[in-house]
Amino acid sequence: MRNTARWAAALGLTAAAVCGPLTGSAVAAPASLYAPSALVLTTGHGDSATTVTPERAVTLSCAPTATGTHPAAAEACAELRGIGGDFTALKARADVHCTRLYDPVVVTVQGVWQGQRVAYERTFGNACAKDALGSSVFAF
């Protein structure tokens, strides 16, 4: 009977030593089922982002739902999902004609799109050329 009690105690202590570290906060669980998508979009007048003070800035978060200070967050997120977050895929509409007045507008995007770092900058000849994208992404 004494051996049975020793074996039971030994097995109990072994199980506690082996399984103890596996409980509690030692096992990391993912914070979310969605890859992060949080962006800061800016716009301003000038030739490049290094020489321009942003005139407007908005935030846009697309996972799990569209939120942020962007005035059309749901539409912008849907559009970005449609192009896979590739800002270079935003093209001007063919039915919009702008003057050639040079008053450059710079847009920038910094942040994370579906877990991948994003840094985008584009200079348009004027506000009309930026608006010709017909995109809700830069409509703020």
N, C-alpha and C. Protein backbone atom coordinates (compact mmCIF):
# COMPACT_ATOMS: atom_id res chain seq x y z
N MET A 1 0.82 -1.18 0.00
CA MET A 1 0.00 0.00 0.00
C MET A 1 0.86 1.24 0.00
N ARG A 2 2.03 1.14 0.68
CA ARG A 2 2.90 2.31 0.73
C ARG A 2 3.46 2.63 -0.66
N ASN A 3 3.79 1.61 -1.46
CA ASN A 3 4.30 1.87 -2.81
C ASN A 3 3.24 2.54 -3.70
N THR A 4 1.99 2.15 -3.53
CA THR A 4 0.91 2.75 -4.32
C THR A 4 0.78 4.23 -4.00
N ALA A 5 0.89 4.59 -2.73
CA ALA A 5 0.80 6.00 -2.34
C ALA A 5 1.99 6.79 -2.87
N ARG A 6 3.18 6.17 -2.84
CA ARG A 6 4.37 6.86 -3.38
C ARG A 6 4.24 7.07 -4.88
N TRP A 7 3.79 6.04 -5.58
CA TRP A 7 3.62 6.17 -7.03
C TRP A 7 2.57 7.23 -7.38
N ALA A 8 1.52 7.28 -6.66
CA ALA A 8 0.47 8.28 -6.91
C ALA A 8 1.00 9.68 -6.66
N ALA A 9 1.75 9.86 -5.57
CA ALA A 9 2.33 11.17 -5.27
C ALA A 9 3.35 11.56 -6.32
N ALA A 10 4.19 10.60 -6.73
CA ALA A 10 5.22 10.88 -7.74
C ALA A 10 4.58 11.24 -9.07
N LEU A 11 3.55 10.52 -9.48
CA LEU A 11 2.87 10.83 -10.74
C LEU A 11 2.16 12.18 -10.67
N GLY A 12 1.57 12.48 -9.54
CA GLY A 12 0.90 13.78 -9.37
C GLY A 12 1.87 14.93 -9.45
N LEU A 13 3.02 14.79 -8.79
CA LEU A 13 4.04 15.86 -8.86
C LEU A 13 4.64 15.98 -10.25
N THR A 14 4.85 14.88 -10.92
CA THR A 14 5.39 14.90 -12.29
C THR A 14 4.39 15.58 -13.23
N ALA A 15 3.14 15.24 -13.11
CA ALA A 15 2.12 15.85 -13.96
C ALA A 15 2.04 17.35 -13.70
N ALA A 16 2.13 17.76 -12.45
CA ALA A 16 2.08 19.20 -12.14
C ALA A 16 3.30 19.91 -12.68
N ALA A 17 4.47 19.27 -12.61
CA ALA A 17 5.70 19.90 -13.11
C ALA A 17 5.69 20.02 -14.62
N VAL A 18 5.16 19.01 -15.30
CA VAL A 18 5.15 19.02 -16.77
C VAL A 18 4.03 19.91 -17.31
N CYS A 19 2.85 19.79 -16.77
CA CYS A 19 1.69 20.51 -17.30
C CYS A 19 1.50 21.90 -16.72
N GLY A 20 2.11 22.18 -15.60
CA GLY A 20 1.96 23.49 -14.96
C GLY A 20 2.32 24.66 -15.85
N PRO A 21 3.48 24.63 -16.53
CA PRO A 21 3.84 25.76 -17.38
C PRO A 21 2.93 25.96 -18.58
N LEU A 22 2.14 24.94 -18.92
CA LEU A 22 1.26 25.05 -20.09
C LEU A 22 -0.05 25.77 -19.78
N THR A 23 -0.30 26.06 -18.54
CA THR A 23 -1.55 26.72 -18.18
C THR A 23 -1.32 28.20 -17.96
N GLY A 24 -2.41 28.96 -17.87
CA GLY A 24 -2.31 30.38 -17.55
C GLY A 24 -1.82 31.21 -18.73
N SER A 25 -1.03 32.22 -18.44
CA SER A 25 -0.60 33.17 -19.46
C SER A 25 0.61 32.69 -20.25
N ALA A 26 1.09 31.50 -19.99
CA ALA A 26 2.25 31.00 -20.71
C ALA A 26 1.90 30.68 -22.15
N VAL A 27 0.65 30.38 -22.44
CA VAL A 27 0.22 30.09 -23.79
C VAL A 27 -0.38 31.37 -24.37
N ALA A 28 0.25 31.89 -25.40
CA ALA A 28 -0.22 33.13 -26.01
C ALA A 28 -1.34 32.83 -26.99
N ALA A 29 -2.40 33.57 -26.89
CA ALA A 29 -3.53 33.43 -27.81
C ALA A 29 -3.55 34.67 -28.71
N PRO A 30 -3.97 34.51 -29.97
CA PRO A 30 -4.04 35.67 -30.85
C PRO A 30 -5.04 36.69 -30.32
N ALA A 31 -4.71 37.98 -30.47
CA ALA A 31 -5.57 39.04 -29.99
C ALA A 31 -6.82 39.18 -30.86
N SER A 32 -6.69 38.81 -32.14
CA SER A 32 -7.80 38.97 -33.05
C SER A 32 -7.69 37.93 -34.16
N LEU A 33 -8.80 37.60 -34.77
CA LEU A 33 -8.79 36.69 -35.90
C LEU A 33 -8.48 37.40 -37.20
N TYR A 34 -8.41 38.73 -37.15
CA TYR A 34 -8.20 39.53 -38.35
C TYR A 34 -6.79 40.11 -38.35
N ALA A 35 -6.16 40.14 -39.52
CA ALA A 35 -4.87 40.80 -39.64
C ALA A 35 -5.11 42.30 -39.49
N PRO A 36 -4.22 43.01 -38.82
CA PRO A 36 -4.45 44.44 -38.59
C PRO A 36 -4.44 45.23 -39.89
N SER A 37 -5.32 46.19 -39.97
CA SER A 37 -5.40 47.12 -41.10
C SER A 37 -5.74 48.49 -40.53
N ALA A 38 -4.72 49.26 -40.24
CA ALA A 38 -4.90 50.59 -39.67
C ALA A 38 -4.00 51.56 -40.43
N LEU A 39 -4.60 52.58 -41.02
CA LEU A 39 -3.87 53.51 -41.88
C LEU A 39 -4.08 54.95 -41.44
N VAL A 40 -3.08 55.79 -41.72
CA VAL A 40 -3.20 57.23 -41.57
C VAL A 40 -3.00 57.81 -42.96
N LEU A 41 -4.01 58.53 -43.45
CA LEU A 41 -3.95 59.14 -44.77
C LEU A 41 -3.86 60.65 -44.60
N THR A 42 -2.97 61.29 -45.36
CA THR A 42 -2.82 62.74 -45.30
C THR A 42 -2.88 63.33 -46.70
N THR A 43 -3.19 64.61 -46.75
CA THR A 43 -3.16 65.35 -48.01
C THR A 43 -2.69 66.78 -47.73
N GLY A 44 -2.00 67.35 -48.68
CA GLY A 44 -1.51 68.72 -48.55
C GLY A 44 -1.00 69.24 -49.87
N HIS A 45 -0.81 70.55 -49.97
CA HIS A 45 -0.32 71.17 -51.20
C HIS A 45 1.20 71.28 -51.15
N GLY A 46 1.86 70.87 -52.23
CA GLY A 46 3.30 70.94 -52.34
C GLY A 46 3.82 69.87 -53.26
N ASP A 47 5.15 69.83 -53.41
CA ASP A 47 5.77 68.91 -54.35
C ASP A 47 6.03 67.51 -53.79
N SER A 48 6.30 67.41 -52.50
CA SER A 48 6.56 66.10 -51.90
C SER A 48 6.19 66.14 -50.43
N ALA A 49 6.05 64.96 -49.87
CA ALA A 49 5.65 64.86 -48.47
C ALA A 49 6.70 65.41 -47.52
N THR A 50 7.96 65.44 -47.96
CA THR A 50 9.02 65.96 -47.09
C THR A 50 8.97 67.47 -46.96
N THR A 51 8.35 68.16 -47.91
CA THR A 51 8.30 69.62 -47.87
C THR A 51 6.91 70.16 -47.58
N VAL A 52 5.95 69.28 -47.37
CA VAL A 52 4.56 69.69 -47.19
C VAL A 52 4.12 69.44 -45.75
N THR A 53 3.44 70.41 -45.21
CA THR A 53 2.75 70.19 -43.94
C THR A 53 1.35 69.70 -44.27
N PRO A 54 0.98 68.53 -43.77
CA PRO A 54 -0.36 68.01 -44.11
C PRO A 54 -1.46 68.98 -43.71
N GLU A 55 -2.39 69.19 -44.64
CA GLU A 55 -3.54 70.04 -44.38
C GLU A 55 -4.70 69.24 -43.78
N ARG A 56 -4.79 67.99 -44.17
CA ARG A 56 -5.83 67.10 -43.65
C ARG A 56 -5.22 65.75 -43.36
N ALA A 57 -5.69 65.12 -42.32
CA ALA A 57 -5.25 63.77 -41.97
C ALA A 57 -6.44 63.01 -41.40
N VAL A 58 -6.58 61.76 -41.80
CA VAL A 58 -7.65 60.91 -41.30
C VAL A 58 -7.09 59.54 -40.96
N THR A 59 -7.80 58.82 -40.11
CA THR A 59 -7.43 57.45 -39.82
C THR A 59 -8.45 56.52 -40.45
N LEU A 60 -7.98 55.32 -40.79
CA LEU A 60 -8.85 54.34 -41.41
C LEU A 60 -8.43 52.96 -40.92
N SER A 61 -9.35 52.28 -40.28
CA SER A 61 -9.11 50.92 -39.81
C SER A 61 -10.17 50.03 -40.45
N CYS A 62 -9.72 48.94 -41.06
CA CYS A 62 -10.66 48.11 -41.83
C CYS A 62 -10.91 46.73 -41.26
N ALA A 63 -10.32 46.38 -40.15
CA ALA A 63 -10.55 45.04 -39.60
C ALA A 63 -10.85 45.14 -38.12
N PRO A 64 -11.86 44.52 -37.64
CA PRO A 64 -12.82 43.68 -38.33
C PRO A 64 -13.92 44.48 -39.04
N THR A 65 -14.14 45.74 -38.62
CA THR A 65 -15.12 46.57 -39.31
C THR A 65 -14.46 47.89 -39.68
N ALA A 66 -15.08 48.62 -40.57
CA ALA A 66 -14.54 49.91 -41.02
C ALA A 66 -14.80 50.97 -39.96
N THR A 67 -13.72 51.57 -39.45
CA THR A 67 -13.83 52.63 -38.46
C THR A 67 -12.75 53.66 -38.74
N GLY A 68 -12.77 54.72 -37.96
CA GLY A 68 -11.76 55.77 -38.09
C GLY A 68 -12.42 57.11 -38.33
N THR A 69 -11.58 58.12 -38.56
CA THR A 69 -12.09 59.46 -38.81
C THR A 69 -12.35 59.72 -40.29
N HIS A 70 -12.07 58.76 -41.14
CA HIS A 70 -12.34 58.90 -42.58
C HIS A 70 -13.84 59.07 -42.77
N PRO A 71 -14.27 60.08 -43.56
CA PRO A 71 -15.72 60.32 -43.70
C PRO A 71 -16.48 59.22 -44.43
N ALA A 72 -15.79 58.42 -45.23
CA ALA A 72 -16.44 57.31 -45.94
C ALA A 72 -15.65 56.03 -45.67
N ALA A 73 -15.52 55.67 -44.41
CA ALA A 73 -14.67 54.55 -44.01
C ALA A 73 -15.11 53.23 -44.65
N ALA A 74 -16.38 52.94 -44.64
CA ALA A 74 -16.86 51.66 -45.19
C ALA A 74 -16.57 51.56 -46.69
N GLU A 75 -16.82 52.64 -47.43
CA GLU A 75 -16.57 52.63 -48.87
C GLU A 75 -15.08 52.52 -49.17
N ALA A 76 -14.26 53.25 -48.41
CA ALA A 76 -12.82 53.21 -48.63
C ALA A 76 -12.26 51.82 -48.34
N CYS A 77 -12.72 51.19 -47.26
CA CYS A 77 -12.25 49.84 -46.93
C CYS A 77 -12.68 48.84 -48.01
N ALA A 78 -13.90 48.96 -48.48
CA ALA A 78 -14.38 48.06 -49.53
C ALA A 78 -13.55 48.23 -50.80
N GLU A 79 -13.24 49.47 -51.12
CA GLU A 79 -12.43 49.73 -52.31
C GLU A 79 -11.01 49.18 -52.16
N LEU A 80 -10.43 49.36 -50.99
CA LEU A 80 -9.09 48.83 -50.75
C LEU A 80 -9.06 47.31 -50.77
N ARG A 81 -10.10 46.68 -50.24
CA ARG A 81 -10.18 45.22 -50.31
C ARG A 81 -10.26 44.76 -51.77
N GLY A 82 -10.99 45.51 -52.58
CA GLY A 82 -11.15 45.16 -53.99
C GLY A 82 -9.86 45.22 -54.79
N ILE A 83 -8.94 46.09 -54.37
CA ILE A 83 -7.65 46.20 -55.08
C ILE A 83 -6.52 45.57 -54.29
N GLY A 84 -6.87 44.86 -53.24
CA GLY A 84 -5.86 44.17 -52.45
C GLY A 84 -4.91 45.09 -51.71
N GLY A 85 -5.36 46.31 -51.41
CA GLY A 85 -4.53 47.26 -50.68
C GLY A 85 -3.43 47.88 -51.52
N ASP A 86 -3.47 47.69 -52.84
CA ASP A 86 -2.46 48.23 -53.74
C ASP A 86 -2.89 49.63 -54.19
N PHE A 87 -2.33 50.65 -53.55
CA PHE A 87 -2.73 52.03 -53.85
C PHE A 87 -2.35 52.45 -55.27
N THR A 88 -1.36 51.81 -55.87
CA THR A 88 -0.98 52.14 -57.25
C THR A 88 -2.05 51.69 -58.23
N ALA A 89 -2.96 50.82 -57.81
CA ALA A 89 -4.03 50.35 -58.69
C ALA A 89 -5.15 51.37 -58.83
N LEU A 90 -5.14 52.43 -58.02
CA LEU A 90 -6.16 53.48 -58.14
C LEU A 90 -5.84 54.32 -59.38
N LYS A 91 -6.70 54.26 -60.35
CA LYS A 91 -6.49 54.96 -61.63
C LYS A 91 -7.55 56.03 -61.84
N ALA A 92 -7.18 57.05 -62.59
CA ALA A 92 -8.09 58.16 -62.89
C ALA A 92 -9.18 57.69 -63.85
N ARG A 93 -10.36 58.25 -63.67
CA ARG A 93 -11.46 57.96 -64.58
C ARG A 93 -11.19 58.64 -65.92
N ALA A 94 -11.60 58.00 -66.99
CA ALA A 94 -11.37 58.53 -68.34
C ALA A 94 -12.30 59.68 -68.68
N ASP A 95 -13.44 59.78 -68.00
CA ASP A 95 -14.44 60.80 -68.34
C ASP A 95 -14.21 62.13 -67.61
N VAL A 96 -13.13 62.26 -66.85
CA VAL A 96 -12.84 63.50 -66.13
C VAL A 96 -11.68 64.21 -66.82
N HIS A 97 -11.90 65.50 -67.12
CA HIS A 97 -10.86 66.30 -67.76
C HIS A 97 -10.50 67.46 -66.84
N CYS A 98 -9.21 67.58 -66.55
CA CYS A 98 -8.74 68.62 -65.64
C CYS A 98 -7.87 69.62 -66.40
N THR A 99 -7.80 70.82 -65.86
CA THR A 99 -6.91 71.83 -66.44
C THR A 99 -5.47 71.44 -66.15
N ARG A 100 -4.56 72.09 -66.83
CA ARG A 100 -3.13 71.81 -66.61
C ARG A 100 -2.51 72.78 -65.61
N LEU A 101 -3.33 73.46 -64.86
CA LEU A 101 -2.83 74.35 -63.82
C LEU A 101 -2.02 73.52 -62.83
N TYR A 102 -0.76 73.93 -62.59
CA TYR A 102 0.10 73.17 -61.68
C TYR A 102 0.00 73.75 -60.28
N ASP A 103 -0.71 73.04 -59.44
CA ASP A 103 -0.87 73.36 -58.02
C ASP A 103 -0.81 72.01 -57.30
N PRO A 104 0.40 71.45 -57.12
CA PRO A 104 0.54 70.05 -56.70
C PRO A 104 -0.12 69.73 -55.36
N VAL A 105 -0.69 68.55 -55.33
CA VAL A 105 -1.33 68.01 -54.14
C VAL A 105 -0.66 66.66 -53.84
N VAL A 106 -0.22 66.50 -52.60
CA VAL A 106 0.45 65.27 -52.20
C VAL A 106 -0.46 64.49 -51.26
N VAL A 107 -0.59 63.18 -51.53
CA VAL A 107 -1.31 62.30 -50.62
C VAL A 107 -0.32 61.26 -50.10
N THR A 108 -0.44 60.92 -48.83
CA THR A 108 0.41 59.88 -48.24
C THR A 108 -0.45 58.89 -47.47
N VAL A 109 0.07 57.70 -47.37
CA VAL A 109 -0.56 56.65 -46.57
C VAL A 109 0.55 55.97 -45.78
N GLN A 110 0.35 55.88 -44.49
CA GLN A 110 1.28 55.19 -43.59
C GLN A 110 0.48 54.25 -42.71
N GLY A 111 1.01 53.08 -42.47
CA GLY A 111 0.34 52.17 -41.54
C GLY A 111 0.51 50.72 -41.91
N VAL A 112 -0.53 49.94 -41.66
CA VAL A 112 -0.51 48.50 -41.88
C VAL A 112 -1.78 48.11 -42.62
N TRP A 113 -1.62 47.33 -43.68
CA TRP A 113 -2.77 46.80 -44.41
C TRP A 113 -2.68 45.28 -44.38
N GLN A 114 -3.63 44.64 -43.75
CA GLN A 114 -3.71 43.19 -43.59
C GLN A 114 -2.38 42.61 -43.12
N GLY A 115 -1.80 43.25 -42.11
CA GLY A 115 -0.59 42.76 -41.48
C GLY A 115 0.71 43.17 -42.17
N GLN A 116 0.64 43.86 -43.30
CA GLN A 116 1.83 44.27 -44.04
C GLN A 116 2.01 45.78 -43.95
N ARG A 117 3.23 46.21 -43.71
CA ARG A 117 3.57 47.63 -43.60
C ARG A 117 3.30 48.33 -44.93
N VAL A 118 2.70 49.52 -44.85
CA VAL A 118 2.37 50.31 -46.05
C VAL A 118 2.98 51.70 -45.91
N ALA A 119 3.65 52.15 -46.95
CA ALA A 119 4.15 53.52 -47.06
C ALA A 119 3.94 53.94 -48.51
N TYR A 120 3.01 54.87 -48.74
CA TYR A 120 2.66 55.28 -50.10
C TYR A 120 2.64 56.80 -50.17
N GLU A 121 3.17 57.33 -51.24
CA GLU A 121 3.13 58.78 -51.49
C GLU A 121 2.89 59.00 -52.98
N ARG A 122 2.02 59.95 -53.29
CA ARG A 122 1.76 60.29 -54.69
C ARG A 122 1.50 61.79 -54.80
N THR A 123 2.08 62.41 -55.81
CA THR A 123 1.88 63.83 -56.07
C THR A 123 1.02 63.97 -57.33
N PHE A 124 -0.08 64.67 -57.18
CA PHE A 124 -0.97 64.96 -58.32
C PHE A 124 -0.71 66.39 -58.78
N GLY A 125 -0.94 66.67 -60.05
CA GLY A 125 -0.72 68.00 -60.60
C GLY A 125 -1.59 69.07 -59.96
N ASN A 126 -2.81 68.69 -59.58
CA ASN A 126 -3.72 69.61 -58.89
C ASN A 126 -4.83 68.80 -58.22
N ALA A 127 -5.70 69.49 -57.52
CA ALA A 127 -6.77 68.81 -56.78
C ALA A 127 -7.72 68.07 -57.71
N CYS A 128 -7.94 68.62 -58.90
CA CYS A 128 -8.82 67.96 -59.86
C CYS A 128 -8.25 66.60 -60.26
N ALA A 129 -6.95 66.53 -60.49
CA ALA A 129 -6.33 65.26 -60.85
C ALA A 129 -6.46 64.23 -59.72
N LYS A 130 -6.36 64.69 -58.48
CA LYS A 130 -6.55 63.78 -57.33
C LYS A 130 -8.00 63.31 -57.28
N ASP A 131 -8.94 64.22 -57.46
CA ASP A 131 -10.35 63.87 -57.40
C ASP A 131 -10.80 63.03 -58.60
N ALA A 132 -10.03 63.06 -59.69
CA ALA A 132 -10.36 62.28 -60.88
C ALA A 132 -10.23 60.78 -60.65
N LEU A 133 -9.59 60.41 -59.56
CA LEU A 133 -9.50 58.97 -59.25
C LEU A 133 -10.88 58.37 -59.07
N GLY A 134 -11.84 59.20 -58.66
CA GLY A 134 -13.18 58.68 -58.42
C GLY A 134 -13.18 57.67 -57.29
N SER A 135 -12.21 57.82 -56.43
CA SER A 135 -12.01 56.89 -55.32
C SER A 135 -12.47 57.52 -54.02
N SER A 136 -13.07 56.71 -53.17
CA SER A 136 -13.45 57.20 -51.85
C SER A 136 -12.27 57.19 -50.89
N VAL A 137 -11.16 56.55 -51.26
CA VAL A 137 -10.01 56.44 -50.39
C VAL A 137 -9.43 57.81 -50.05
N PHE A 138 -9.25 58.66 -51.07
CA PHE A 138 -8.66 59.98 -50.85
C PHE A 138 -9.70 61.10 -50.84
N ALA A 139 -10.96 60.75 -50.67
CA ALA A 139 -12.03 61.75 -50.62
C ALA A 139 -12.26 62.17 -49.16
N PHE A 140 -11.39 63.01 -48.66
CA PHE A 140 -11.55 63.55 -47.30
C PHE A 140 -11.04 64.96 -47.24
